mmCIF file of all heavy atoms, coordinates in Angstrom:
data_MODEL
# 
_entry.id   MODEL 
# 
loop_
_atom_site.group_PDB 
_atom_site.id 
_atom_site.type_symbol 
_atom_site.label_atom_id 
_atom_site.label_alt_id 
_atom_site.label_comp_id 
_atom_site.label_asym_id 
_atom_site.label_entity_id 
_atom_site.label_seq_id 
_atom_site.pdbx_PDB_ins_code 
_atom_site.Cartn_x 
_atom_site.Cartn_y 
_atom_site.Cartn_z 
_atom_site.occupancy 
_atom_site.B_iso_or_equiv 
_atom_site.pdbx_formal_charge 
_atom_site.auth_seq_id 
_atom_site.auth_comp_id 
_atom_site.auth_asym_id 
_atom_site.auth_atom_id 
_atom_site.pdbx_PDB_model_num 
ATOM 1   N N   . PRO A 1 1  ? 17.995 -195.881 -84.169 1.00 0.00 ? 1  PRO A N   1 
ATOM 2   C CA  . PRO A 1 1  ? 18.869 -195.990 -82.984 1.00 0.00 ? 1  PRO A CA  1 
ATOM 3   C C   . PRO A 1 1  ? 18.286 -196.929 -81.919 1.00 0.00 ? 1  PRO A C   1 
ATOM 4   O O   . PRO A 1 1  ? 19.007 -197.682 -81.230 1.00 0.00 ? 1  PRO A O   1 
ATOM 5   C CB  . PRO A 1 1  ? 18.946 -194.567 -82.468 1.00 0.00 ? 1  PRO A CB  1 
ATOM 6   C CG  . PRO A 1 1  ? 18.717 -193.738 -83.667 1.00 0.00 ? 1  PRO A CG  1 
ATOM 7   C CD  . PRO A 1 1  ? 17.731 -194.488 -84.507 1.00 0.00 ? 1  PRO A CD  1 
ATOM 8   N N   . THR A 1 2  ? 16.941 -196.893 -81.763 1.00 0.00 ? 2  THR A N   1 
ATOM 9   C CA  . THR A 1 2  ? 16.292 -197.779 -80.775 1.00 0.00 ? 2  THR A CA  1 
ATOM 10  C C   . THR A 1 2  ? 16.480 -199.249 -81.171 1.00 0.00 ? 2  THR A C   1 
ATOM 11  O O   . THR A 1 2  ? 16.722 -200.082 -80.299 1.00 0.00 ? 2  THR A O   1 
ATOM 12  C CB  . THR A 1 2  ? 14.758 -197.463 -80.728 1.00 0.00 ? 2  THR A CB  1 
ATOM 13  O OG1 . THR A 1 2  ? 14.602 -196.097 -80.402 1.00 0.00 ? 2  THR A OG1 1 
ATOM 14  C CG2 . THR A 1 2  ? 14.078 -198.356 -79.698 1.00 0.00 ? 2  THR A CG2 1 
ATOM 15  N N   . ILE A 1 3  ? 16.370 -199.551 -82.456 1.00 0.00 ? 3  ILE A N   1 
ATOM 16  C CA  . ILE A 1 3  ? 16.540 -200.912 -82.934 1.00 0.00 ? 3  ILE A CA  1 
ATOM 17  C C   . ILE A 1 3  ? 17.982 -201.377 -82.702 1.00 0.00 ? 3  ILE A C   1 
ATOM 18  O O   . ILE A 1 3  ? 18.230 -202.487 -82.273 1.00 0.00 ? 3  ILE A O   1 
ATOM 19  C CB  . ILE A 1 3  ? 16.201 -201.025 -84.417 1.00 0.00 ? 3  ILE A CB  1 
ATOM 20  C CG1 . ILE A 1 3  ? 14.687 -200.771 -84.630 1.00 0.00 ? 3  ILE A CG1 1 
ATOM 21  C CG2 . ILE A 1 3  ? 16.575 -202.402 -84.965 1.00 0.00 ? 3  ILE A CG2 1 
ATOM 22  C CD1 . ILE A 1 3  ? 14.261 -200.734 -86.052 1.00 0.00 ? 3  ILE A CD1 1 
ATOM 23  N N   . LEU A 1 4  ? 18.946 -200.487 -82.927 1.00 0.00 ? 4  LEU A N   1 
ATOM 24  C CA  . LEU A 1 4  ? 20.361 -200.842 -82.746 1.00 0.00 ? 4  LEU A CA  1 
ATOM 25  C C   . LEU A 1 4  ? 20.644 -201.106 -81.271 1.00 0.00 ? 4  LEU A C   1 
ATOM 26  O O   . LEU A 1 4  ? 21.381 -202.055 -80.956 1.00 0.00 ? 4  LEU A O   1 
ATOM 27  C CB  . LEU A 1 4  ? 21.235 -199.699 -83.244 1.00 0.00 ? 4  LEU A CB  1 
ATOM 28  C CG  . LEU A 1 4  ? 21.219 -199.450 -84.758 1.00 0.00 ? 4  LEU A CG  1 
ATOM 29  C CD1 . LEU A 1 4  ? 22.111 -198.262 -85.112 1.00 0.00 ? 4  LEU A CD1 1 
ATOM 30  C CD2 . LEU A 1 4  ? 21.673 -200.699 -85.516 1.00 0.00 ? 4  LEU A CD2 1 
ATOM 31  N N   . VAL A 1 5  ? 20.056 -200.333 -80.376 1.00 0.00 ? 5  VAL A N   1 
ATOM 32  C CA  . VAL A 1 5  ? 20.212 -200.573 -78.938 1.00 0.00 ? 5  VAL A CA  1 
ATOM 33  C C   . VAL A 1 5  ? 19.589 -201.941 -78.574 1.00 0.00 ? 5  VAL A C   1 
ATOM 34  O O   . VAL A 1 5  ? 20.172 -202.714 -77.808 1.00 0.00 ? 5  VAL A O   1 
ATOM 35  C CB  . VAL A 1 5  ? 19.573 -199.453 -78.113 1.00 0.00 ? 5  VAL A CB  1 
ATOM 36  C CG1 . VAL A 1 5  ? 19.514 -199.831 -76.622 1.00 0.00 ? 5  VAL A CG1 1 
ATOM 37  C CG2 . VAL A 1 5  ? 20.338 -198.163 -78.292 1.00 0.00 ? 5  VAL A CG2 1 
ATOM 38  N N   . GLN A 1 6  ? 18.412 -202.187 -79.153 1.00 0.00 ? 6  GLN A N   1 
ATOM 39  C CA  . GLN A 1 6  ? 17.733 -203.497 -78.881 1.00 0.00 ? 6  GLN A CA  1 
ATOM 40  C C   . GLN A 1 6  ? 18.584 -204.630 -79.380 1.00 0.00 ? 6  GLN A C   1 
ATOM 41  O O   . GLN A 1 6  ? 18.715 -205.668 -78.729 1.00 0.00 ? 6  GLN A O   1 
ATOM 42  C CB  . GLN A 1 6  ? 16.379 -203.519 -79.546 1.00 0.00 ? 6  GLN A CB  1 
ATOM 43  C CG  . GLN A 1 6  ? 15.590 -204.772 -79.146 1.00 0.00 ? 6  GLN A CG  1 
ATOM 44  C CD  . GLN A 1 6  ? 14.285 -204.918 -79.923 1.00 0.00 ? 6  GLN A CD  1 
ATOM 45  O OE1 . GLN A 1 6  ? 14.206 -204.563 -81.096 1.00 0.00 ? 6  GLN A OE1 1 
ATOM 46  N NE2 . GLN A 1 6  ? 13.253 -205.431 -79.273 1.00 0.00 ? 6  GLN A NE2 1 
ATOM 47  N N   . MET A 1 7  ? 19.223 -204.503 -80.558 1.00 0.00 ? 7  MET A N   1 
ATOM 48  C CA  . MET A 1 7  ? 20.077 -205.546 -81.071 1.00 0.00 ? 7  MET A CA  1 
ATOM 49  C C   . MET A 1 7  ? 21.258 -205.792 -80.128 1.00 0.00 ? 7  MET A C   1 
ATOM 50  O O   . MET A 1 7  ? 21.692 -206.939 -79.976 1.00 0.00 ? 7  MET A O   1 
ATOM 51  C CB  . MET A 1 7  ? 20.561 -205.168 -82.483 1.00 0.00 ? 7  MET A CB  1 
ATOM 52  C CG  . MET A 1 7  ? 19.502 -205.207 -83.547 1.00 0.00 ? 7  MET A CG  1 
ATOM 53  S SD  . MET A 1 7  ? 20.058 -204.537 -85.124 1.00 0.00 ? 7  MET A SD  1 
ATOM 54  C CE  . MET A 1 7  ? 21.370 -205.722 -85.561 1.00 0.00 ? 7  MET A CE  1 
ATOM 55  N N   . LEU A 1 8  ? 21.790 -204.728 -79.538 1.00 0.00 ? 8  LEU A N   1 
ATOM 56  C CA  . LEU A 1 8  ? 22.897 -204.845 -78.661 1.00 0.00 ? 8  LEU A CA  1 
ATOM 57  C C   . LEU A 1 8  ? 22.534 -205.629 -77.396 1.00 0.00 ? 8  LEU A C   1 
ATOM 58  O O   . LEU A 1 8  ? 23.199 -206.595 -76.998 1.00 0.00 ? 8  LEU A O   1 
ATOM 59  C CB  . LEU A 1 8  ? 23.459 -203.490 -78.273 1.00 0.00 ? 8  LEU A CB  1 
ATOM 60  C CG  . LEU A 1 8  ? 24.674 -203.433 -77.383 1.00 0.00 ? 8  LEU A CG  1 
ATOM 61  C CD1 . LEU A 1 8  ? 25.842 -204.094 -78.086 1.00 0.00 ? 8  LEU A CD1 1 
ATOM 62  C CD2 . LEU A 1 8  ? 25.016 -202.003 -76.989 1.00 0.00 ? 8  LEU A CD2 1 
ATOM 63  N N   . TYR A 1 9  ? 21.429 -205.220 -76.762 1.00 0.00 ? 9  TYR A N   1 
ATOM 64  C CA  . TYR A 1 9  ? 21.078 -205.910 -75.502 1.00 0.00 ? 9  TYR A CA  1 
ATOM 65  C C   . TYR A 1 9  ? 20.485 -207.298 -75.723 1.00 0.00 ? 9  TYR A C   1 
ATOM 66  O O   . TYR A 1 9  ? 20.569 -208.186 -74.871 1.00 0.00 ? 9  TYR A O   1 
ATOM 67  C CB  . TYR A 1 9  ? 20.215 -205.032 -74.598 1.00 0.00 ? 9  TYR A CB  1 
ATOM 68  C CG  . TYR A 1 9  ? 18.719 -205.005 -74.820 1.00 0.00 ? 9  TYR A CG  1 
ATOM 69  C CD1 . TYR A 1 9  ? 17.917 -206.095 -74.513 1.00 0.00 ? 9  TYR A CD1 1 
ATOM 70  C CD2 . TYR A 1 9  ? 18.103 -203.848 -75.307 1.00 0.00 ? 9  TYR A CD2 1 
ATOM 71  C CE1 . TYR A 1 9  ? 16.555 -206.042 -74.740 1.00 0.00 ? 9  TYR A CE1 1 
ATOM 72  C CE2 . TYR A 1 9  ? 16.705 -203.782 -75.524 1.00 0.00 ? 9  TYR A CE2 1 
ATOM 73  C CZ  . TYR A 1 9  ? 15.962 -204.891 -75.207 1.00 0.00 ? 9  TYR A CZ  1 
ATOM 74  O OH  . TYR A 1 9  ? 14.606 -204.869 -75.384 1.00 0.00 ? 9  TYR A OH  1 
ATOM 75  N N   . THR A 1 10 ? 19.866 -207.543 -76.897 1.00 0.00 ? 10 THR A N   1 
ATOM 76  C CA  . THR A 1 10 ? 19.379 -208.901 -77.183 1.00 0.00 ? 10 THR A CA  1 
ATOM 77  C C   . THR A 1 10 ? 20.552 -209.841 -77.505 1.00 0.00 ? 10 THR A C   1 
ATOM 78  O O   . THR A 1 10 ? 20.443 -211.051 -77.300 1.00 0.00 ? 10 THR A O   1 
ATOM 79  C CB  . THR A 1 10 ? 18.331 -208.904 -78.319 1.00 0.00 ? 10 THR A CB  1 
ATOM 80  O OG1 . THR A 1 10 ? 18.850 -208.207 -79.473 1.00 0.00 ? 10 THR A OG1 1 
ATOM 81  C CG2 . THR A 1 10 ? 17.059 -208.297 -77.883 1.00 0.00 ? 10 THR A CG2 1 
ATOM 82  N N   . THR A 1 11 ? 21.640 -209.283 -78.035 1.00 0.00 ? 11 THR A N   1 
ATOM 83  C CA  . THR A 1 11 ? 22.843 -210.088 -78.213 1.00 0.00 ? 11 THR A CA  1 
ATOM 84  C C   . THR A 1 11 ? 23.371 -210.540 -76.848 1.00 0.00 ? 11 THR A C   1 
ATOM 85  O O   . THR A 1 11 ? 23.700 -211.730 -76.637 1.00 0.00 ? 11 THR A O   1 
ATOM 86  C CB  . THR A 1 11 ? 23.930 -209.292 -78.935 1.00 0.00 ? 11 THR A CB  1 
ATOM 87  O OG1 . THR A 1 11 ? 23.521 -208.986 -80.267 1.00 0.00 ? 11 THR A OG1 1 
ATOM 88  C CG2 . THR A 1 11 ? 25.243 -210.090 -79.010 1.00 0.00 ? 11 THR A CG2 1 
ATOM 89  N N   . PHE A 1 12 ? 23.422 -209.600 -75.898 1.00 0.00 ? 12 PHE A N   1 
ATOM 90  C CA  . PHE A 1 12 ? 23.852 -209.961 -74.551 1.00 0.00 ? 12 PHE A CA  1 
ATOM 91  C C   . PHE A 1 12 ? 22.875 -210.943 -73.925 1.00 0.00 ? 12 PHE A C   1 
ATOM 92  O O   . PHE A 1 12 ? 23.296 -211.944 -73.307 1.00 0.00 ? 12 PHE A O   1 
ATOM 93  C CB  . PHE A 1 12 ? 23.890 -208.665 -73.684 1.00 0.00 ? 12 PHE A CB  1 
ATOM 94  C CG  . PHE A 1 12 ? 24.213 -208.897 -72.245 1.00 0.00 ? 12 PHE A CG  1 
ATOM 95  C CD1 . PHE A 1 12 ? 25.488 -209.306 -71.881 1.00 0.00 ? 12 PHE A CD1 1 
ATOM 96  C CD2 . PHE A 1 12 ? 23.248 -208.786 -71.268 1.00 0.00 ? 12 PHE A CD2 1 
ATOM 97  C CE1 . PHE A 1 12 ? 25.807 -209.565 -70.542 1.00 0.00 ? 12 PHE A CE1 1 
ATOM 98  C CE2 . PHE A 1 12 ? 23.538 -209.004 -69.929 1.00 0.00 ? 12 PHE A CE2 1 
ATOM 99  C CZ  . PHE A 1 12 ? 24.819 -209.384 -69.587 1.00 0.00 ? 12 PHE A CZ  1 
ATOM 100 N N   . LEU A 1 13 ? 21.533 -210.745 -74.141 1.00 0.00 ? 13 LEU A N   1 
ATOM 101 C CA  . LEU A 1 13 ? 20.545 -211.680 -73.628 1.00 0.00 ? 13 LEU A CA  1 
ATOM 102 C C   . LEU A 1 13 ? 20.760 -213.058 -74.240 1.00 0.00 ? 13 LEU A C   1 
ATOM 103 O O   . LEU A 1 13 ? 20.654 -214.066 -73.543 1.00 0.00 ? 13 LEU A O   1 
ATOM 104 C CB  . LEU A 1 13 ? 19.142 -211.148 -73.898 1.00 0.00 ? 13 LEU A CB  1 
ATOM 105 C CG  . LEU A 1 13 ? 17.979 -212.106 -73.601 1.00 0.00 ? 13 LEU A CG  1 
ATOM 106 C CD1 . LEU A 1 13 ? 17.942 -212.396 -72.092 1.00 0.00 ? 13 LEU A CD1 1 
ATOM 107 C CD2 . LEU A 1 13 ? 16.650 -211.535 -74.045 1.00 0.00 ? 13 LEU A CD2 1 
ATOM 108 N N   . GLY A 1 14 ? 21.015 -213.105 -75.554 1.00 0.00 ? 14 GLY A N   1 
ATOM 109 C CA  . GLY A 1 14 ? 21.235 -214.395 -76.218 1.00 0.00 ? 14 GLY A CA  1 
ATOM 110 C C   . GLY A 1 14 ? 22.427 -215.136 -75.635 1.00 0.00 ? 14 GLY A C   1 
ATOM 111 O O   . GLY A 1 14 ? 22.399 -216.369 -75.527 1.00 0.00 ? 14 GLY A O   1 
ATOM 112 N N   . ILE A 1 15 ? 23.454 -214.394 -75.277 1.00 0.00 ? 15 ILE A N   1 
ATOM 113 C CA  . ILE A 1 15 ? 24.651 -215.024 -74.669 1.00 0.00 ? 15 ILE A CA  1 
ATOM 114 C C   . ILE A 1 15 ? 24.285 -215.619 -73.312 1.00 0.00 ? 15 ILE A C   1 
ATOM 115 O O   . ILE A 1 15 ? 24.680 -216.724 -72.991 1.00 0.00 ? 15 ILE A O   1 
ATOM 116 C CB  . ILE A 1 15 ? 25.794 -214.006 -74.562 1.00 0.00 ? 15 ILE A CB  1 
ATOM 117 C CG1 . ILE A 1 15 ? 26.332 -213.676 -75.972 1.00 0.00 ? 15 ILE A CG1 1 
ATOM 118 C CG2 . ILE A 1 15 ? 26.904 -214.512 -73.667 1.00 0.00 ? 15 ILE A CG2 1 
ATOM 119 C CD1 . ILE A 1 15 ? 27.328 -212.526 -75.982 1.00 0.00 ? 15 ILE A CD1 1 
ATOM 120 N N   . ILE A 1 16 ? 23.533 -214.825 -72.509 1.00 0.00 ? 16 ILE A N   1 
ATOM 121 C CA  . ILE A 1 16 ? 23.081 -215.328 -71.207 1.00 0.00 ? 16 ILE A CA  1 
ATOM 122 C C   . ILE A 1 16 ? 22.229 -216.576 -71.355 1.00 0.00 ? 16 ILE A C   1 
ATOM 123 O O   . ILE A 1 16 ? 22.406 -217.564 -70.644 1.00 0.00 ? 16 ILE A O   1 
ATOM 124 C CB  . ILE A 1 16 ? 22.283 -214.229 -70.463 1.00 0.00 ? 16 ILE A CB  1 
ATOM 125 C CG1 . ILE A 1 16 ? 23.154 -213.030 -70.119 1.00 0.00 ? 16 ILE A CG1 1 
ATOM 126 C CG2 . ILE A 1 16 ? 21.642 -214.784 -69.205 1.00 0.00 ? 16 ILE A CG2 1 
ATOM 127 C CD1 . ILE A 1 16 ? 24.264 -213.322 -69.148 1.00 0.00 ? 16 ILE A CD1 1 
ATOM 128 N N   . LEU A 1 17 ? 21.317 -216.563 -72.322 1.00 0.00 ? 17 LEU A N   1 
ATOM 129 C CA  . LEU A 1 17 ? 20.436 -217.706 -72.558 1.00 0.00 ? 17 LEU A CA  1 
ATOM 130 C C   . LEU A 1 17 ? 21.254 -218.923 -73.008 1.00 0.00 ? 17 LEU A C   1 
ATOM 131 O O   . LEU A 1 17 ? 20.932 -220.064 -72.658 1.00 0.00 ? 17 LEU A O   1 
ATOM 132 C CB  . LEU A 1 17 ? 19.376 -217.357 -73.602 1.00 0.00 ? 17 LEU A CB  1 
ATOM 133 C CG  . LEU A 1 17 ? 18.337 -216.329 -73.097 1.00 0.00 ? 17 LEU A CG  1 
ATOM 134 C CD1 . LEU A 1 17 ? 17.527 -215.789 -74.306 1.00 0.00 ? 17 LEU A CD1 1 
ATOM 135 C CD2 . LEU A 1 17 ? 17.390 -216.928 -72.057 1.00 0.00 ? 17 LEU A CD2 1 
ATOM 136 N N   . GLY A 1 18 ? 22.258 -218.692 -73.818 1.00 0.00 ? 18 GLY A N   1 
ATOM 137 C CA  . GLY A 1 18 ? 23.138 -219.804 -74.274 1.00 0.00 ? 18 GLY A CA  1 
ATOM 138 C C   . GLY A 1 18 ? 23.864 -220.415 -73.096 1.00 0.00 ? 18 GLY A C   1 
ATOM 139 O O   . GLY A 1 18 ? 24.011 -221.635 -73.011 1.00 0.00 ? 18 GLY A O   1 
ATOM 140 N N   . ILE A 1 19 ? 24.343 -219.576 -72.179 1.00 0.00 ? 19 ILE A N   1 
ATOM 141 C CA  . ILE A 1 19 ? 25.039 -220.079 -70.981 1.00 0.00 ? 19 ILE A CA  1 
ATOM 142 C C   . ILE A 1 19 ? 24.067 -220.911 -70.128 1.00 0.00 ? 19 ILE A C   1 
ATOM 143 O O   . ILE A 1 19 ? 24.427 -221.966 -69.609 1.00 0.00 ? 19 ILE A O   1 
ATOM 144 C CB  . ILE A 1 19 ? 25.600 -218.880 -70.153 1.00 0.00 ? 19 ILE A CB  1 
ATOM 145 C CG1 . ILE A 1 19 ? 26.755 -218.228 -70.930 1.00 0.00 ? 19 ILE A CG1 1 
ATOM 146 C CG2 . ILE A 1 19 ? 26.106 -219.371 -68.795 1.00 0.00 ? 19 ILE A CG2 1 
ATOM 147 C CD1 . ILE A 1 19 ? 27.258 -216.938 -70.315 1.00 0.00 ? 19 ILE A CD1 1 
ATOM 148 N N   . ILE A 1 20 ? 22.861 -220.401 -69.953 1.00 0.00 ? 20 ILE A N   1 
ATOM 149 C CA  . ILE A 1 20 ? 21.862 -221.129 -69.168 1.00 0.00 ? 20 ILE A CA  1 
ATOM 150 C C   . ILE A 1 20 ? 21.587 -222.503 -69.799 1.00 0.00 ? 20 ILE A C   1 
ATOM 151 O O   . ILE A 1 20 ? 21.527 -223.527 -69.067 1.00 0.00 ? 20 ILE A O   1 
ATOM 152 C CB  . ILE A 1 20 ? 20.563 -220.312 -69.045 1.00 0.00 ? 20 ILE A CB  1 
ATOM 153 C CG1 . ILE A 1 20 ? 20.794 -219.060 -68.197 1.00 0.00 ? 20 ILE A CG1 1 
ATOM 154 C CG2 . ILE A 1 20 ? 19.431 -221.146 -68.460 1.00 0.00 ? 20 ILE A CG2 1 
ATOM 155 C CD1 . ILE A 1 20 ? 19.617 -218.097 -68.158 1.00 0.00 ? 20 ILE A CD1 1 
ATOM 156 N N   . TYR A 1 21 ? 21.415 -222.511 -71.105 1.00 0.00 ? 21 TYR A N   1 
ATOM 157 C CA  . TYR A 1 21 ? 21.149 -223.786 -71.784 1.00 0.00 ? 21 TYR A CA  1 
ATOM 158 C C   . TYR A 1 21 ? 22.327 -224.736 -71.653 1.00 0.00 ? 21 TYR A C   1 
ATOM 159 O O   . TYR A 1 21 ? 22.167 -225.939 -71.431 1.00 0.00 ? 21 TYR A O   1 
ATOM 160 C CB  . TYR A 1 21 ? 20.833 -223.515 -73.234 1.00 0.00 ? 21 TYR A CB  1 
ATOM 161 C CG  . TYR A 1 21 ? 20.450 -224.756 -74.033 1.00 0.00 ? 21 TYR A CG  1 
ATOM 162 C CD1 . TYR A 1 21 ? 19.393 -225.537 -73.618 1.00 0.00 ? 21 TYR A CD1 1 
ATOM 163 C CD2 . TYR A 1 21 ? 21.090 -225.083 -75.230 1.00 0.00 ? 21 TYR A CD2 1 
ATOM 164 C CE1 . TYR A 1 21 ? 19.015 -226.682 -74.334 1.00 0.00 ? 21 TYR A CE1 1 
ATOM 165 C CE2 . TYR A 1 21 ? 20.727 -226.201 -75.945 1.00 0.00 ? 21 TYR A CE2 1 
ATOM 166 C CZ  . TYR A 1 21 ? 19.679 -227.008 -75.502 1.00 0.00 ? 21 TYR A CZ  1 
ATOM 167 O OH  . TYR A 1 21 ? 19.315 -228.118 -76.200 1.00 0.00 ? 21 TYR A OH  1 
ATOM 168 N N   . GLN A 1 22 ? 23.521 -224.201 -71.803 1.00 0.00 ? 22 GLN A N   1 
ATOM 169 C CA  . GLN A 1 22 ? 24.738 -225.047 -71.715 1.00 0.00 ? 22 GLN A CA  1 
ATOM 170 C C   . GLN A 1 22 ? 24.882 -225.630 -70.307 1.00 0.00 ? 22 GLN A C   1 
ATOM 171 O O   . GLN A 1 22 ? 25.254 -226.796 -70.161 1.00 0.00 ? 22 GLN A O   1 
ATOM 172 C CB  . GLN A 1 22 ? 25.957 -224.206 -72.072 1.00 0.00 ? 22 GLN A CB  1 
ATOM 173 C CG  . GLN A 1 22 ? 27.315 -224.877 -71.842 1.00 0.00 ? 22 GLN A CG  1 
ATOM 174 C CD  . GLN A 1 22 ? 27.489 -226.117 -72.713 1.00 0.00 ? 22 GLN A CD  1 
ATOM 175 O OE1 . GLN A 1 22 ? 26.835 -226.277 -73.752 1.00 0.00 ? 22 GLN A OE1 1 
ATOM 176 N NE2 . GLN A 1 22 ? 28.400 -226.992 -72.331 1.00 0.00 ? 22 GLN A NE2 1 
ATOM 177 N N   . LYS A 1 23 ? 24.585 -224.842 -69.276 1.00 0.00 ? 23 LYS A N   1 
ATOM 178 C CA  . LYS A 1 23 ? 24.745 -225.285 -67.895 1.00 0.00 ? 23 LYS A CA  1 
ATOM 179 C C   . LYS A 1 23 ? 23.651 -226.262 -67.461 1.00 0.00 ? 23 LYS A C   1 
ATOM 180 O O   . LYS A 1 23 ? 23.923 -227.137 -66.630 1.00 0.00 ? 23 LYS A O   1 
ATOM 181 C CB  . LYS A 1 23 ? 24.760 -224.100 -66.956 1.00 0.00 ? 23 LYS A CB  1 
ATOM 182 C CG  . LYS A 1 23 ? 25.964 -223.163 -67.108 1.00 0.00 ? 23 LYS A CG  1 
ATOM 183 C CD  . LYS A 1 23 ? 27.250 -223.866 -66.700 1.00 0.00 ? 23 LYS A CD  1 
ATOM 184 C CE  . LYS A 1 23 ? 28.432 -222.945 -66.756 1.00 0.00 ? 23 LYS A CE  1 
ATOM 185 N NZ  . LYS A 1 23 ? 29.733 -223.634 -66.420 1.00 0.00 ? 23 LYS A NZ  1 
ATOM 186 N N   . THR A 1 24 ? 22.481 -226.114 -68.023 1.00 0.00 ? 24 THR A N   1 
ATOM 187 C CA  . THR A 1 24 ? 21.348 -226.952 -67.584 1.00 0.00 ? 24 THR A CA  1 
ATOM 188 C C   . THR A 1 24 ? 21.026 -228.114 -68.511 1.00 0.00 ? 24 THR A C   1 
ATOM 189 O O   . THR A 1 24 ? 20.405 -229.109 -68.068 1.00 0.00 ? 24 THR A O   1 
ATOM 190 C CB  . THR A 1 24 ? 20.074 -226.094 -67.435 1.00 0.00 ? 24 THR A CB  1 
ATOM 191 O OG1 . THR A 1 24 ? 19.711 -225.551 -68.704 1.00 0.00 ? 24 THR A OG1 1 
ATOM 192 C CG2 . THR A 1 24 ? 20.284 -224.960 -66.416 1.00 0.00 ? 24 THR A CG2 1 
# 
């Protein structure tokens, strides 16, 4: 369950990082 939660929030983090890369 801990790994699944981590996968969920790292997906969100990956999206944020993608936006940052796209904008900069």
